[in-house]
Amino acid sequence: MEFIPYMIWFLYKNCPSNFSIFIIEQGDALPFNKGVLINAGTLIVKSLGFDYIAIHDVDQLPIIDQNNYAFPADAIQHSCVAVSVNNFKPAPEHIVGGVVVSSIEALERVNGWSNNFWSWGAEDDDMYYRIQISGVPLKKLSQDIGRYKSLSHPLNLEKRKSKYYEQNVARMKKTKRGRIKLTEDGISTVKYS
């Protein structure tokens, strides 16, 4: 795995504080659920006494040293804003994914990611709207600093045509319109073992 050695090297050289890396993986046969993994990881990190977390897709590697993963006071920071697979074009404003750095407290105010997004699609858009509804400030790194090298991985575009994708988009639109109570779905309701 390229991610762990690279991140140890990058963070050792650039991070202003001590760090630990946790890999949270799904172990059941259900479709992928990013929200459950992130929420479970957040609770694990909190239980170990950490006050902030960098939620990181393992297929994105930071390439600019000024991206130092520092504590983002009073905000949730979207760090992965320009990726090599998209020729470093800025990510759409309404997406919060790839790499997010946040205090545990700010994530709890948002109630983390939704646990109801299966497979791929719309979960990062949904998180943007959860942050907007909660009133927690969202900071995005500049395109010059938040640059990431995208590692290759098998991307099945058929997943975007699955029943889950349409359900995910419909769920995200409900969040966008304020029709979902954040307190009913997220960190506070995640179940994991």
N, C-alpha and C. Protein backbone atom coordinates (compact mmCIF):
# COMPACT_ATOMS: atom_id res chain seq x y z
N MET A 1 0.85 -1.19 0.00
CA MET A 1 0.00 0.00 0.00
C MET A 1 0.89 1.24 0.00
N GLU A 2 0.69 2.09 -0.96
CA GLU A 2 1.49 3.31 -1.11
C GLU A 2 1.09 4.39 -0.10
N PHE A 3 -0.16 4.40 0.33
CA PHE A 3 -0.69 5.47 1.16
C PHE A 3 0.05 5.64 2.48
N ILE A 4 0.19 4.58 3.26
CA ILE A 4 0.76 4.71 4.61
C ILE A 4 2.21 5.20 4.59
N PRO A 5 3.12 4.59 3.82
CA PRO A 5 4.50 5.11 3.84
C PRO A 5 4.59 6.56 3.37
N TYR A 6 3.81 6.90 2.35
CA TYR A 6 3.85 8.27 1.84
C TYR A 6 3.35 9.25 2.90
N MET A 7 2.22 8.92 3.55
CA MET A 7 1.66 9.84 4.54
C MET A 7 2.57 9.98 5.76
N ILE A 8 3.21 8.92 6.18
CA ILE A 8 4.16 9.03 7.30
C ILE A 8 5.28 10.00 6.92
N TRP A 9 5.82 9.84 5.72
CA TRP A 9 6.88 10.73 5.24
C TRP A 9 6.38 12.17 5.16
N PHE A 10 5.21 12.37 4.54
CA PHE A 10 4.67 13.72 4.33
C PHE A 10 4.35 14.40 5.66
N LEU A 11 3.66 13.71 6.56
CA LEU A 11 3.26 14.31 7.83
C LEU A 11 4.45 14.55 8.75
N TYR A 12 5.42 13.63 8.75
CA TYR A 12 6.61 13.82 9.56
C TYR A 12 7.33 15.11 9.17
N LYS A 13 7.34 15.39 7.89
CA LYS A 13 8.04 16.56 7.37
C LYS A 13 7.23 17.84 7.52
N ASN A 14 5.88 17.76 7.53
CA ASN A 14 5.06 18.97 7.43
C ASN A 14 4.07 19.21 8.56
N CYS A 15 3.72 18.21 9.32
CA CYS A 15 2.65 18.34 10.31
C CYS A 15 3.18 19.01 11.58
N PRO A 16 2.42 19.99 12.11
CA PRO A 16 2.89 20.72 13.28
C PRO A 16 2.75 19.97 14.61
N SER A 17 2.12 18.81 14.60
CA SER A 17 1.93 18.07 15.85
C SER A 17 2.14 16.58 15.62
N ASN A 18 2.16 15.84 16.72
CA ASN A 18 2.25 14.39 16.60
C ASN A 18 1.02 13.87 15.88
N PHE A 19 1.14 12.72 15.26
CA PHE A 19 0.01 12.18 14.53
C PHE A 19 0.00 10.66 14.66
N SER A 20 -1.16 10.10 14.41
CA SER A 20 -1.35 8.66 14.30
C SER A 20 -2.18 8.42 13.05
N ILE A 21 -1.98 7.28 12.42
CA ILE A 21 -2.76 6.92 11.23
C ILE A 21 -3.58 5.69 11.58
N PHE A 22 -4.88 5.78 11.34
CA PHE A 22 -5.79 4.67 11.54
C PHE A 22 -6.42 4.33 10.20
N ILE A 23 -6.46 3.07 9.86
CA ILE A 23 -7.15 2.62 8.65
C ILE A 23 -8.44 1.94 9.13
N ILE A 24 -9.58 2.48 8.72
CA ILE A 24 -10.87 1.94 9.09
C ILE A 24 -11.45 1.27 7.84
N GLU A 25 -11.71 -0.03 7.93
CA GLU A 25 -12.21 -0.78 6.78
C GLU A 25 -13.53 -1.45 7.11
N GLN A 26 -14.30 -1.66 6.10
CA GLN A 26 -15.58 -2.34 6.25
C GLN A 26 -15.35 -3.84 6.13
N GLY A 27 -15.91 -4.61 7.06
CA GLY A 27 -15.65 -6.03 7.08
C GLY A 27 -16.85 -6.91 6.77
N ASP A 28 -17.97 -6.31 6.39
CA ASP A 28 -19.14 -7.13 6.08
C ASP A 28 -19.35 -7.19 4.57
N ALA A 29 -20.37 -7.91 4.15
CA ALA A 29 -20.65 -8.09 2.73
C ALA A 29 -21.62 -7.05 2.18
N LEU A 30 -21.99 -6.08 2.99
CA LEU A 30 -22.91 -5.05 2.52
C LEU A 30 -22.20 -4.11 1.54
N PRO A 31 -22.96 -3.36 0.75
CA PRO A 31 -22.32 -2.37 -0.12
C PRO A 31 -21.51 -1.36 0.71
N PHE A 32 -20.52 -0.78 0.10
CA PHE A 32 -19.65 0.20 0.75
C PHE A 32 -20.48 1.30 1.40
N ASN A 33 -20.09 1.71 2.62
CA ASN A 33 -20.78 2.79 3.32
C ASN A 33 -19.74 3.72 3.95
N LYS A 34 -19.39 4.76 3.22
CA LYS A 34 -18.36 5.71 3.66
C LYS A 34 -18.74 6.40 4.97
N GLY A 35 -20.01 6.77 5.12
CA GLY A 35 -20.44 7.47 6.32
C GLY A 35 -20.24 6.66 7.59
N VAL A 36 -20.62 5.39 7.55
CA VAL A 36 -20.44 4.53 8.72
C VAL A 36 -18.96 4.41 9.07
N LEU A 37 -18.12 4.24 8.06
CA LEU A 37 -16.68 4.12 8.31
C LEU A 37 -16.12 5.40 8.95
N ILE A 38 -16.50 6.55 8.40
CA ILE A 38 -16.00 7.82 8.95
C ILE A 38 -16.53 8.05 10.36
N ASN A 39 -17.81 7.82 10.57
CA ASN A 39 -18.39 8.05 11.89
C ASN A 39 -17.79 7.11 12.93
N ALA A 40 -17.63 5.84 12.58
CA ALA A 40 -17.00 4.89 13.50
C ALA A 40 -15.56 5.32 13.79
N GLY A 41 -14.82 5.69 12.76
CA GLY A 41 -13.44 6.14 12.95
C GLY A 41 -13.36 7.37 13.84
N THR A 42 -14.29 8.29 13.67
CA THR A 42 -14.32 9.49 14.51
C THR A 42 -14.53 9.13 15.97
N LEU A 43 -15.44 8.21 16.24
CA LEU A 43 -15.68 7.80 17.63
C LEU A 43 -14.48 7.06 18.21
N ILE A 44 -13.82 6.25 17.40
CA ILE A 44 -12.62 5.54 17.87
C ILE A 44 -11.52 6.54 18.22
N VAL A 45 -11.29 7.49 17.33
CA VAL A 45 -10.26 8.52 17.55
C VAL A 45 -10.59 9.34 18.80
N LYS A 46 -11.85 9.70 18.96
CA LYS A 46 -12.28 10.46 20.14
C LYS A 46 -12.02 9.65 21.42
N SER A 47 -12.34 8.36 21.39
CA SER A 47 -12.17 7.53 22.58
C SER A 47 -10.70 7.40 23.00
N LEU A 48 -9.80 7.64 22.06
CA LEU A 48 -8.36 7.58 22.35
C LEU A 48 -7.79 8.93 22.78
N GLY A 49 -8.65 9.95 22.88
CA GLY A 49 -8.23 11.24 23.40
C GLY A 49 -7.78 12.26 22.37
N PHE A 50 -7.93 11.98 21.09
CA PHE A 50 -7.57 12.95 20.06
C PHE A 50 -8.64 14.03 19.98
N ASP A 51 -8.24 15.27 19.67
CA ASP A 51 -9.23 16.35 19.58
C ASP A 51 -9.55 16.75 18.15
N TYR A 52 -8.77 16.25 17.18
CA TYR A 52 -9.13 16.49 15.79
C TYR A 52 -8.69 15.33 14.92
N ILE A 53 -9.23 15.33 13.70
CA ILE A 53 -9.07 14.19 12.81
C ILE A 53 -8.92 14.67 11.37
N ALA A 54 -8.12 13.95 10.61
CA ALA A 54 -8.08 14.13 9.16
C ALA A 54 -8.72 12.90 8.54
N ILE A 55 -9.86 13.08 7.94
CA ILE A 55 -10.58 11.99 7.27
C ILE A 55 -10.06 11.95 5.85
N HIS A 56 -9.51 10.82 5.45
CA HIS A 56 -8.67 10.80 4.25
C HIS A 56 -8.99 9.60 3.36
N ASP A 57 -9.38 9.86 2.12
CA ASP A 57 -9.48 8.77 1.15
C ASP A 57 -8.07 8.26 0.89
N VAL A 58 -7.89 6.95 0.84
CA VAL A 58 -6.55 6.39 0.69
C VAL A 58 -6.03 6.46 -0.75
N ASP A 59 -6.83 6.98 -1.66
CA ASP A 59 -6.36 7.13 -3.04
C ASP A 59 -5.95 8.56 -3.37
N GLN A 60 -5.77 9.40 -2.34
CA GLN A 60 -5.35 10.80 -2.54
C GLN A 60 -4.11 11.08 -1.70
N LEU A 61 -3.07 11.60 -2.34
CA LEU A 61 -1.82 11.93 -1.63
C LEU A 61 -1.53 13.42 -1.77
N PRO A 62 -1.31 14.13 -0.65
CA PRO A 62 -1.00 15.56 -0.73
C PRO A 62 0.36 15.77 -1.39
N ILE A 63 0.46 16.85 -2.17
CA ILE A 63 1.73 17.10 -2.88
C ILE A 63 2.33 18.47 -2.57
N ILE A 64 1.64 19.30 -1.81
CA ILE A 64 2.14 20.63 -1.48
C ILE A 64 2.47 20.70 0.01
N ASP A 65 3.71 21.03 0.34
CA ASP A 65 4.16 21.02 1.73
C ASP A 65 3.37 21.95 2.65
N GLN A 66 2.84 23.06 2.14
CA GLN A 66 2.09 23.99 2.98
C GLN A 66 0.77 23.40 3.47
N ASN A 67 0.36 22.28 2.90
CA ASN A 67 -0.84 21.56 3.35
C ASN A 67 -0.41 20.72 4.55
N ASN A 68 -0.42 21.34 5.74
CA ASN A 68 0.22 20.72 6.90
C ASN A 68 -0.73 20.01 7.86
N TYR A 69 -2.00 19.88 7.52
CA TYR A 69 -2.96 19.14 8.33
C TYR A 69 -3.10 19.70 9.74
N ALA A 70 -2.90 21.01 9.88
CA ALA A 70 -3.00 21.66 11.19
C ALA A 70 -4.44 21.70 11.68
N PHE A 71 -4.59 21.84 12.99
CA PHE A 71 -5.91 21.94 13.62
C PHE A 71 -6.67 23.11 13.02
N PRO A 72 -7.85 22.85 12.45
CA PRO A 72 -8.64 23.94 11.85
C PRO A 72 -9.58 24.55 12.87
N ALA A 73 -9.13 25.52 13.61
CA ALA A 73 -9.91 26.10 14.70
C ALA A 73 -11.29 26.54 14.21
N ASP A 74 -12.32 26.09 14.91
CA ASP A 74 -13.71 26.53 14.70
C ASP A 74 -14.24 26.32 13.29
N ALA A 75 -13.71 25.35 12.55
CA ALA A 75 -14.21 25.12 11.20
C ALA A 75 -13.95 23.66 10.81
N ILE A 76 -14.67 23.24 9.80
CA ILE A 76 -14.35 21.99 9.12
C ILE A 76 -13.62 22.39 7.85
N GLN A 77 -12.47 21.79 7.62
CA GLN A 77 -11.64 22.17 6.47
C GLN A 77 -11.69 21.09 5.39
N HIS A 78 -12.09 21.49 4.19
CA HIS A 78 -12.02 20.61 3.03
C HIS A 78 -10.65 20.85 2.39
N SER A 79 -9.79 19.85 2.47
CA SER A 79 -8.40 20.02 2.02
C SER A 79 -8.17 19.59 0.58
N CYS A 80 -8.85 18.56 0.14
CA CYS A 80 -8.61 17.95 -1.18
C CYS A 80 -9.46 18.68 -2.23
N VAL A 81 -8.98 19.82 -2.67
CA VAL A 81 -9.78 20.67 -3.56
C VAL A 81 -9.35 20.65 -5.02
N ALA A 82 -8.19 20.03 -5.31
CA ALA A 82 -7.72 19.95 -6.69
C ALA A 82 -6.92 18.65 -6.84
N VAL A 83 -7.42 17.74 -7.66
CA VAL A 83 -6.80 16.42 -7.78
C VAL A 83 -6.26 16.17 -9.18
N SER A 84 -5.20 15.38 -9.23
CA SER A 84 -4.52 15.14 -10.50
C SER A 84 -5.42 14.45 -11.53
N VAL A 85 -6.31 13.57 -11.09
CA VAL A 85 -7.17 12.86 -12.02
C VAL A 85 -8.10 13.83 -12.77
N ASN A 86 -8.33 14.99 -12.19
CA ASN A 86 -9.14 16.04 -12.84
C ASN A 86 -8.28 17.21 -13.32
N ASN A 87 -7.00 16.94 -13.58
CA ASN A 87 -6.06 17.96 -14.05
C ASN A 87 -6.00 19.18 -13.12
N PHE A 88 -6.19 18.93 -11.83
CA PHE A 88 -6.12 19.96 -10.78
C PHE A 88 -7.14 21.07 -10.94
N LYS A 89 -8.24 20.79 -11.62
CA LYS A 89 -9.34 21.75 -11.65
C LYS A 89 -9.97 21.78 -10.27
N PRO A 90 -10.44 22.93 -9.82
CA PRO A 90 -11.02 22.99 -8.47
C PRO A 90 -12.28 22.13 -8.36
N ALA A 91 -12.43 21.48 -7.22
CA ALA A 91 -13.63 20.69 -6.95
C ALA A 91 -14.83 21.61 -6.87
N PRO A 92 -16.00 21.12 -7.24
CA PRO A 92 -17.21 21.95 -7.08
C PRO A 92 -17.38 22.40 -5.64
N GLU A 93 -17.91 23.58 -5.45
CA GLU A 93 -18.07 24.17 -4.12
C GLU A 93 -18.90 23.28 -3.20
N HIS A 94 -19.87 22.58 -3.74
CA HIS A 94 -20.82 21.81 -2.93
C HIS A 94 -20.35 20.38 -2.62
N ILE A 95 -19.09 20.11 -2.74
CA ILE A 95 -18.56 18.78 -2.42
C ILE A 95 -17.55 18.91 -1.28
N VAL A 96 -17.68 18.03 -0.29
CA VAL A 96 -16.75 17.98 0.83
C VAL A 96 -16.30 16.53 0.95
N GLY A 97 -15.22 16.19 0.26
CA GLY A 97 -14.75 14.82 0.28
C GLY A 97 -13.27 14.74 -0.04
N GLY A 98 -12.77 13.52 -0.12
CA GLY A 98 -11.36 13.30 -0.40
C GLY A 98 -10.52 13.40 0.86
N VAL A 99 -10.38 14.61 1.37
CA VAL A 99 -9.68 14.86 2.63
C VAL A 99 -10.40 15.99 3.37
N VAL A 100 -10.79 15.70 4.60
CA VAL A 100 -11.46 16.69 5.45
C VAL A 100 -10.74 16.68 6.80
N VAL A 101 -10.37 17.86 7.29
CA VAL A 101 -9.72 17.99 8.58
C VAL A 101 -10.68 18.77 9.49
N SER A 102 -10.92 18.21 10.69
CA SER A 102 -11.92 18.83 11.56
C SER A 102 -11.64 18.49 13.01
N SER A 103 -12.09 19.37 13.89
CA SER A 103 -12.12 19.00 15.30
C SER A 103 -13.21 17.96 15.49
N ILE A 104 -13.06 17.13 16.50
CA ILE A 104 -14.10 16.16 16.83
C ILE A 104 -15.38 16.90 17.17
N GLU A 105 -15.25 18.00 17.90
CA GLU A 105 -16.41 18.78 18.34
C GLU A 105 -17.20 19.31 17.14
N ALA A 106 -16.52 19.82 16.11
CA ALA A 106 -17.22 20.34 14.93
C ALA A 106 -17.95 19.21 14.20
N LEU A 107 -17.31 18.05 14.09
CA LEU A 107 -17.98 16.91 13.45
C LEU A 107 -19.21 16.47 14.24
N GLU A 108 -19.12 16.53 15.55
CA GLU A 108 -20.28 16.16 16.36
C GLU A 108 -21.41 17.17 16.19
N ARG A 109 -21.08 18.44 16.03
CA ARG A 109 -22.13 19.46 15.79
C ARG A 109 -22.86 19.21 14.48
N VAL A 110 -22.15 18.70 13.48
CA VAL A 110 -22.75 18.36 12.19
C VAL A 110 -23.42 16.98 12.27
N ASN A 111 -23.05 16.21 13.25
CA ASN A 111 -23.42 14.80 13.44
C ASN A 111 -22.78 13.93 12.36
N GLY A 112 -21.60 14.32 11.93
CA GLY A 112 -20.82 13.51 10.99
C GLY A 112 -21.50 13.31 9.65
N TRP A 113 -21.07 12.27 8.98
CA TRP A 113 -21.65 11.90 7.68
C TRP A 113 -22.93 11.11 7.91
N SER A 114 -23.78 11.08 6.93
CA SER A 114 -24.96 10.23 6.98
C SER A 114 -24.53 8.77 6.92
N ASN A 115 -25.23 7.91 7.66
CA ASN A 115 -25.00 6.47 7.62
C ASN A 115 -25.84 5.78 6.55
N ASN A 116 -26.58 6.54 5.78
CA ASN A 116 -27.57 5.98 4.86
C ASN A 116 -27.20 6.08 3.39
N PHE A 117 -25.92 6.27 3.08
CA PHE A 117 -25.48 6.31 1.69
C PHE A 117 -24.71 5.02 1.39
N TRP A 118 -25.26 4.21 0.51
CA TRP A 118 -24.67 2.91 0.18
C TRP A 118 -23.99 2.99 -1.17
N SER A 119 -22.91 2.27 -1.31
CA SER A 119 -22.10 2.27 -2.53
C SER A 119 -21.51 3.67 -2.70
N TRP A 120 -21.47 4.19 -3.90
CA TRP A 120 -20.84 5.48 -4.17
C TRP A 120 -21.86 6.47 -4.68
N GLY A 121 -21.64 7.72 -4.36
CA GLY A 121 -22.40 8.79 -4.98
C GLY A 121 -23.20 9.64 -4.01
N ALA A 122 -22.97 10.93 -4.05
CA ALA A 122 -23.72 11.99 -3.38
C ALA A 122 -23.44 12.14 -1.89
N GLU A 123 -22.63 11.24 -1.29
CA GLU A 123 -22.37 11.36 0.15
C GLU A 123 -21.53 12.60 0.46
N ASP A 124 -20.62 12.98 -0.43
CA ASP A 124 -19.80 14.17 -0.19
C ASP A 124 -20.60 15.45 -0.42
N ASP A 125 -21.54 15.42 -1.35
CA ASP A 125 -22.45 16.56 -1.54
C ASP A 125 -23.33 16.71 -0.29
N ASP A 126 -23.84 15.59 0.20
CA ASP A 126 -24.69 15.59 1.39
C ASP A 126 -23.95 16.20 2.58
N MET A 127 -22.68 15.87 2.72
CA MET A 127 -21.91 16.43 3.84
C MET A 127 -21.82 17.95 3.75
N TYR A 128 -21.67 18.46 2.54
CA TYR A 128 -21.65 19.92 2.36
C TYR A 128 -22.93 20.54 2.93
N TYR A 129 -24.07 19.95 2.59
CA TYR A 129 -25.34 20.51 3.06
C TYR A 129 -25.53 20.31 4.56
N ARG A 130 -25.02 19.21 5.11
CA ARG A 130 -25.07 19.00 6.56
C ARG A 130 -24.29 20.12 7.27
N ILE A 131 -23.14 20.46 6.74
CA ILE A 131 -22.33 21.53 7.34
C ILE A 131 -23.08 22.87 7.24
N GLN A 132 -23.66 23.15 6.08
CA GLN A 132 -24.40 24.40 5.90
C GLN A 132 -25.57 24.50 6.88
N ILE A 133 -26.33 23.42 7.03
CA ILE A 133 -27.50 23.42 7.92
C ILE A 133 -27.07 23.60 9.38
N SER A 134 -25.95 22.98 9.76
CA SER A 134 -25.51 23.02 11.16
C SER A 134 -24.97 24.38 11.57
N GLY A 135 -24.52 25.16 10.62
CA GLY A 135 -23.92 26.45 10.94
C GLY A 135 -22.44 26.39 11.26
N VAL A 136 -21.85 25.20 11.19
CA VAL A 136 -20.40 25.09 11.41
C VAL A 136 -19.70 25.70 10.19
N PRO A 137 -18.72 26.58 10.40
CA PRO A 137 -18.02 27.17 9.27
C PRO A 137 -17.27 26.11 8.44
N LEU A 138 -17.28 26.28 7.14
CA LEU A 138 -16.54 25.41 6.23
C LEU A 138 -15.42 26.22 5.60
N LYS A 139 -14.21 25.73 5.74
CA LYS A 139 -13.04 26.36 5.13
C LYS A 139 -12.55 25.42 4.04
N LYS A 140 -12.20 25.98 2.90
CA LYS A 140 -11.62 25.18 1.82
C LYS A 140 -10.21 25.69 1.57
N LEU A 141 -9.26 24.76 1.50
CA LEU A 141 -7.91 25.17 1.16
C LEU A 141 -7.90 25.79 -0.23
N SER A 142 -6.93 26.64 -0.47
CA SER A 142 -6.82 27.21 -1.81
C SER A 142 -6.42 26.12 -2.80
N GLN A 143 -6.73 26.35 -4.03
CA GLN A 143 -6.40 25.39 -5.09
C GLN A 143 -4.89 25.18 -5.19
N ASP A 144 -4.11 26.17 -4.81
CA ASP A 144 -2.65 26.04 -4.88
C ASP A 144 -2.08 25.16 -3.78
N ILE A 145 -2.76 25.07 -2.63
CA ILE A 145 -2.26 24.27 -1.51
C ILE A 145 -2.97 22.92 -1.41
N GLY A 146 -4.26 22.89 -1.68
CA GLY A 146 -5.03 21.65 -1.55
C GLY A 146 -4.96 20.76 -2.77
N ARG A 147 -3.75 20.51 -3.24
CA ARG A 147 -3.52 19.68 -4.44
C ARG A 147 -3.13 18.27 -4.03
N TYR A 148 -3.73 17.29 -4.70
CA TYR A 148 -3.50 15.88 -4.36
C TYR A 148 -3.24 15.06 -5.62
N LYS A 149 -2.31 14.13 -5.49
CA LYS A 149 -2.08 13.14 -6.53
C LYS A 149 -3.10 12.02 -6.32
N SER A 150 -3.84 11.70 -7.35
CA SER A 150 -4.83 10.63 -7.29
C SER A 150 -4.17 9.31 -7.65
N LEU A 151 -4.24 8.35 -6.74
CA LEU A 151 -3.72 7.01 -7.04
C LEU A 151 -4.74 6.27 -7.88
N SER A 152 -4.25 5.40 -8.74
CA SER A 152 -5.19 4.64 -9.57
C SER A 152 -5.85 3.56 -8.72
N HIS A 153 -7.10 3.34 -9.00
CA HIS A 153 -7.86 2.27 -8.35
C HIS A 153 -9.00 1.90 -9.28
N PRO A 154 -9.50 0.69 -9.14
CA PRO A 154 -10.59 0.30 -10.04
C PRO A 154 -11.85 1.09 -9.72
N LEU A 155 -12.29 1.86 -10.66
CA LEU A 155 -13.52 2.64 -10.50
C LEU A 155 -14.56 2.05 -11.42
N ASN A 156 -15.59 1.54 -10.82
CA ASN A 156 -16.65 0.91 -11.60
C ASN A 156 -17.73 1.94 -11.86
N LEU A 157 -17.77 2.48 -13.06
CA LEU A 157 -18.76 3.50 -13.39
C LEU A 157 -20.17 2.94 -13.38
N GLU A 158 -20.31 1.63 -13.46
CA GLU A 158 -21.64 1.03 -13.37
C GLU A 158 -22.27 1.31 -12.01
N LYS A 159 -21.46 1.52 -10.99
CA LYS A 159 -22.00 1.81 -9.66
C LYS A 159 -22.86 3.07 -9.71
N ARG A 160 -22.51 4.01 -10.55
CA ARG A 160 -23.27 5.24 -10.65
C ARG A 160 -24.66 4.99 -11.26
N LYS A 161 -24.82 3.85 -11.89
CA LYS A 161 -26.12 3.50 -12.47
C LYS A 161 -26.91 2.57 -11.56
N SER A 162 -26.36 2.25 -10.41
CA SER A 162 -27.02 1.29 -9.51
C SER A 162 -28.22 1.93 -8.82
N LYS A 163 -29.04 1.08 -8.23
CA LYS A 163 -30.20 1.56 -7.47
C LYS A 163 -29.73 2.43 -6.31
N TYR A 164 -28.56 2.16 -5.78
CA TYR A 164 -28.06 2.95 -4.65
C TYR A 164 -27.76 4.38 -5.06
N TYR A 165 -27.21 4.56 -6.24
CA TYR A 165 -26.86 5.91 -6.67
C TYR A 165 -28.10 6.80 -6.72
N GLU A 166 -29.16 6.32 -7.31
CA GLU A 166 -30.39 7.12 -7.40
C GLU A 166 -30.96 7.40 -6.01
N GLN A 167 -30.91 6.40 -5.13
CA GLN A 167 -31.38 6.59 -3.76
C GLN A 167 -30.51 7.61 -3.03
N ASN A 168 -29.20 7.55 -3.26
CA ASN A 168 -28.27 8.49 -2.63
C ASN A 168 -28.55 9.92 -3.08
N VAL A 169 -28.76 10.11 -4.37
CA VAL A 169 -29.03 11.46 -4.88
C VAL A 169 -30.34 11.99 -4.30
N ALA A 170 -31.35 11.14 -4.23
CA ALA A 170 -32.63 11.56 -3.64
C ALA A 170 -32.46 11.94 -2.17
N ARG A 171 -31.68 11.17 -1.43
CA ARG A 171 -31.44 11.45 -0.01
C ARG A 171 -30.69 12.77 0.15
N MET A 172 -29.66 12.97 -0.69
CA MET A 172 -28.88 14.22 -0.62
C MET A 172 -29.79 15.42 -0.90
N LYS A 173 -30.71 15.31 -1.85
CA LYS A 173 -31.61 16.42 -2.16
C LYS A 173 -32.53 16.73 -0.97
N LYS A 174 -32.92 15.71 -0.22
CA LYS A 174 -33.73 15.95 0.99
C LYS A 174 -32.92 16.73 2.02
N THR A 175 -31.64 16.37 2.17
CA THR A 175 -30.79 17.11 3.11
C THR A 175 -30.65 18.56 2.64
N LYS A 176 -30.41 18.75 1.36
CA LYS A 176 -30.25 20.09 0.79
C LYS A 176 -31.48 20.96 1.07
N ARG A 177 -32.64 20.37 1.01
CA ARG A 177 -33.90 21.11 1.22
C ARG A 177 -34.28 21.20 2.71
N GLY A 178 -33.43 20.64 3.59
CA GLY A 178 -33.70 20.71 5.02
C GLY A 178 -34.77 19.75 5.49
N ARG A 179 -35.01 18.68 4.74
CA ARG A 179 -36.06 17.73 5.09
C ARG A 179 -35.56 16.54 5.91
N ILE A 180 -34.30 16.55 6.27
CA ILE A 180 -33.74 15.49 7.09
C ILE A 180 -33.18 16.13 8.36
N LYS A 181 -33.53 15.56 9.51
CA LYS A 181 -33.00 16.06 10.78
C LYS A 181 -31.61 15.46 10.99
N LEU A 182 -30.62 16.31 11.12
CA LEU A 182 -29.25 15.83 11.29
C LEU A 182 -29.09 14.98 12.53
N THR A 183 -29.88 15.25 13.56
CA THR A 183 -29.75 14.51 14.82
C THR A 183 -30.19 13.05 14.69
N GLU A 184 -30.90 12.72 13.63
CA GLU A 184 -31.43 11.36 13.48
C GLU A 184 -30.54 10.44 12.66
N ASP A 185 -29.44 10.94 12.15
CA ASP A 185 -28.59 10.12 11.27
C ASP A 185 -27.18 10.67 11.29
N GLY A 186 -26.23 9.88 11.78
CA GLY A 186 -24.83 10.32 11.78
C GLY A 186 -24.03 9.68 12.89
N ILE A 187 -23.09 10.44 13.44
CA ILE A 187 -22.24 9.93 14.51
C ILE A 187 -23.07 9.41 15.67
N SER A 188 -24.11 10.13 16.02
CA SER A 188 -24.90 9.76 17.19
C SER A 188 -25.71 8.48 17.00
N THR A 189 -25.85 8.00 15.78
CA THR A 189 -26.66 6.81 15.53
C THR A 189 -25.88 5.67 14.88
N VAL A 190 -24.57 5.86 14.63
CA VAL A 190 -23.80 4.84 13.94
C VAL A 190 -23.69 3.58 14.79
N LYS A 191 -23.77 2.44 14.11
CA LYS A 191 -23.59 1.14 14.77
C LYS A 191 -22.45 0.42 14.08
N TYR A 192 -21.49 -0.04 14.87
CA TYR A 192 -20.32 -0.72 14.31
C TYR A 192 -19.74 -1.65 15.36
N SER A 193 -18.90 -2.55 14.90
CA SER A 193 -18.21 -3.44 15.84
C SER A 193 -16.79 -3.69 15.37
